[in-house]
């Protein structure tokens, strides 16, 4: 019998793979940067760690390319990877920023 943590991890991995191939509506009209930027986050649970990683991505991307590129949900070729170590969850997100 598979533990609930392993099932959750497998589902999270599958969701990450599927979401990494998602393309925002109207993507053909977006102006995108060629190279992906990344963000790191940590927290006591997956939701907090993911939110922190996306916020870090927004800050780094806005600083590099301007505020118009700082919306993670407009980005292309995005992905996420998280793991749990020592009672904390660590996440890394990456995406090619678009405006």
C-alpha atoms as a PDB file:
ATOM      1  CA  UNK A   1       0.000   0.000   0.000  1.00  0.00           C
ATOM      2  CA  UNK A   2       1.368   3.387  -1.000  1.00  0.00           C
ATOM      3  CA  UNK A   3       1.551   5.960   1.786  1.00  0.00           C
ATOM      4  CA  UNK A   4      -0.369   9.196   1.415  1.00  0.00           C
ATOM      5  CA  UNK A   5       2.900  11.195   1.254  1.00  0.00           C
ATOM      6  CA  UNK A   6       4.137   9.119  -1.688  1.00  0.00           C
ATOM      7  CA  UNK A   7       0.761   9.458  -3.439  1.00  0.00           C
ATOM      8  CA  UNK A   8       0.825  13.222  -2.816  1.00  0.00           C
ATOM      9  CA  UNK A   9       4.375  13.444  -4.157  1.00  0.00           C
ATOM     10  CA  UNK A  10       3.451  11.464  -7.261  1.00  0.00           C
ATOM     11  CA  UNK A  11       0.422  13.678  -7.891  1.00  0.00           C
ATOM     12  CA  UNK A  12       2.488  16.830  -7.352  1.00  0.00           C
ATOM     13  CA  UNK A  13       5.100  15.566  -9.823  1.00  0.00           C
ATOM     14  CA  UNK A  14       2.427  14.752 -12.411  1.00  0.00           C
ATOM     15  CA  UNK A  15       0.812  18.164 -11.941  1.00  0.00           C
ATOM     16  CA  UNK A  16       4.205  19.834 -12.360  1.00  0.00           C
ATOM     17  CA  UNK A  17       4.843  17.997 -15.617  1.00  0.00           C
ATOM     18  CA  UNK A  18       1.409  18.849 -16.968  1.00  0.00           C
ATOM     19  CA  UNK A  19       1.605  22.484 -15.873  1.00  0.00           C
ATOM     20  CA  UNK A  20       5.096  22.910 -17.313  1.00  0.00           C
ATOM     21  CA  UNK A  21       3.554  22.384 -20.742  1.00  0.00           C
ATOM     22  CA  UNK A  22       0.660  24.777 -20.218  1.00  0.00           C
ATOM     23  CA  UNK A  23       0.460  27.866 -22.400  1.00  0.00           C
ATOM     24  CA  UNK A  24      -1.463  30.956 -21.285  1.00  0.00           C
ATOM     25  CA  UNK A  25      -4.452  32.044 -23.363  1.00  0.00           C
ATOM     26  CA  UNK A  26      -3.367  34.469 -26.043  1.00  0.00           C
ATOM     27  CA  UNK A  27       0.283  33.418 -25.761  1.00  0.00           C
ATOM     28  CA  UNK A  28       0.876  34.323 -29.390  1.00  0.00           C
ATOM     29  CA  UNK A  29       0.411  37.994 -28.436  1.00  0.00           C
ATOM     30  CA  UNK A  30       2.847  37.923 -25.502  1.00  0.00           C
ATOM     31  CA  UNK A  31       6.322  39.407 -25.635  1.00  0.00           C
ATOM     32  CA  UNK A  32       8.559  36.866 -23.893  1.00  0.00           C
ATOM     33  CA  UNK A  33      12.174  36.685 -22.829  1.00  0.00           C
ATOM     34  CA  UNK A  34      14.134  33.805 -24.250  1.00  0.00           C
ATOM     35  CA  UNK A  35      15.745  32.534 -21.051  1.00  0.00           C
ATOM     36  CA  UNK A  36      13.942  31.260 -17.975  1.00  0.00           C
ATOM     37  CA  UNK A  37      14.429  32.880 -14.604  1.00  0.00           C
ATOM     38  CA  UNK A  38      14.033  31.031 -11.312  1.00  0.00           C
ATOM     39  CA  UNK A  39      12.765  31.608  -7.809  1.00  0.00           C
ATOM     40  CA  UNK A  40      13.325  29.734  -4.571  1.00  0.00           C
ATOM     41  CA  UNK A  41      11.028  29.457  -1.583  1.00  0.00           C
ATOM     42  CA  UNK A  42      10.625  27.523   1.644  1.00  0.00           C
ATOM     43  CA  UNK A  43       7.933  27.083   4.214  1.00  0.00           C
ATOM     44  CA  UNK A  44       6.307  24.719   6.681  1.00  0.00           C
ATOM     45  CA  UNK A  45       4.016  23.311   3.962  1.00  0.00           C
ATOM     46  CA  UNK A  46       3.809  22.988   0.192  1.00  0.00           C
ATOM     47  CA  UNK A  47       1.458  25.948  -0.319  1.00  0.00           C
ATOM     48  CA  UNK A  48       3.637  28.372   1.633  1.00  0.00           C
ATOM     49  CA  UNK A  49       6.847  27.182  -0.017  1.00  0.00           C
ATOM     50  CA  UNK A  50       5.305  27.464  -3.492  1.00  0.00           C
ATOM     51  CA  UNK A  51       3.927  30.958  -2.819  1.00  0.00           C
ATOM     52  CA  UNK A  52       7.319  32.076  -1.514  1.00  0.00           C
ATOM     53  CA  UNK A  53       9.089  30.651  -4.585  1.00  0.00           C
ATOM     54  CA  UNK A  54       6.681  32.408  -6.976  1.00  0.00           C
ATOM     55  CA  UNK A  55       7.051  35.672  -5.063  1.00  0.00           C
ATOM     56  CA  UNK A  56      10.846  35.326  -5.275  1.00  0.00           C
ATOM     57  CA  UNK A  57      10.513  34.681  -9.035  1.00  0.00           C
ATOM     58  CA  UNK A  58       8.384  37.823  -9.411  1.00  0.00           C
ATOM     59  CA  UNK A  59      10.893  40.005  -7.549  1.00  0.00           C
ATOM     60  CA  UNK A  60      13.897  38.639  -9.468  1.00  0.00           C
ATOM     61  CA  UNK A  61      12.153  38.847 -12.852  1.00  0.00           C
ATOM     62  CA  UNK A  62      10.770  42.349 -12.276  1.00  0.00           C
ATOM     63  CA  UNK A  63      14.228  43.496 -11.211  1.00  0.00           C
ATOM     64  CA  UNK A  64      15.829  42.050 -14.325  1.00  0.00           C
ATOM     65  CA  UNK A  65      13.217  42.914 -16.976  1.00  0.00           C
ATOM     66  CA  UNK A  66      10.764  45.388 -15.441  1.00  0.00           C
ATOM     67  CA  UNK A  67       7.435  45.044 -13.649  1.00  0.00           C
ATOM     68  CA  UNK A  68       5.547  44.147 -16.845  1.00  0.00           C
ATOM     69  CA  UNK A  69       7.361  40.780 -16.898  1.00  0.00           C
ATOM     70  CA  UNK A  70       6.737  39.967 -13.232  1.00  0.00           C
ATOM     71  CA  UNK A  71       3.508  37.962 -13.600  1.00  0.00           C
ATOM     72  CA  UNK A  72       4.359  34.262 -13.184  1.00  0.00           C
ATOM     73  CA  UNK A  73       0.992  33.237 -14.629  1.00  0.00           C
ATOM     74  CA  UNK A  74       1.757  34.990 -17.954  1.00  0.00           C
ATOM     75  CA  UNK A  75       5.050  33.123 -18.291  1.00  0.00           C
ATOM     76  CA  UNK A  76       5.795  30.308 -20.718  1.00  0.00           C
ATOM     77  CA  UNK A  77       7.736  27.074 -20.216  1.00  0.00           C
ATOM     78  CA  UNK A  78       7.238  27.143 -16.502  1.00  0.00           C
ATOM     79  CA  UNK A  79       7.913  24.386 -14.030  1.00  0.00           C
ATOM     80  CA  UNK A  80       8.100  23.632 -10.343  1.00  0.00           C
ATOM     81  CA  UNK A  81      10.013  21.218  -8.159  1.00  0.00           C
ATOM     82  CA  UNK A  82       9.580  20.814  -4.408  1.00  0.00           C
ATOM     83  CA  UNK A  83      10.963  18.549  -1.716  1.00  0.00           C
ATOM     84  CA  UNK A  84      10.585  18.221   2.029  1.00  0.00           C
ATOM     85  CA  UNK A  85      13.659  18.127   4.253  1.00  0.00           C
ATOM     86  CA  UNK A  86      14.034  18.574   7.992  1.00  0.00           C
ATOM     87  CA  UNK A  87      10.436  19.641   8.573  1.00  0.00           C
ATOM     88  CA  UNK A  88      10.457  22.319   5.844  1.00  0.00           C
ATOM     89  CA  UNK A  89       9.328  22.245   2.229  1.00  0.00           C
ATOM     90  CA  UNK A  90      11.634  23.785  -0.373  1.00  0.00           C
ATOM     91  CA  UNK A  91      10.395  24.768  -3.834  1.00  0.00           C
ATOM     92  CA  UNK A  92      12.079  26.021  -6.977  1.00  0.00           C
ATOM     93  CA  UNK A  93      10.070  27.537  -9.832  1.00  0.00           C
ATOM     94  CA  UNK A  94      11.273  28.582 -13.260  1.00  0.00           C
ATOM     95  CA  UNK A  95       9.674  30.232 -16.262  1.00  0.00           C
ATOM     96  CA  UNK A  96      10.353  32.347 -19.319  1.00  0.00           C
ATOM     97  CA  UNK A  97       8.849  35.729 -18.414  1.00  0.00           C
ATOM     98  CA  UNK A  98       6.297  37.342 -20.702  1.00  0.00           C
ATOM     99  CA  UNK A  99       4.412  40.615 -20.686  1.00  0.00           C
END
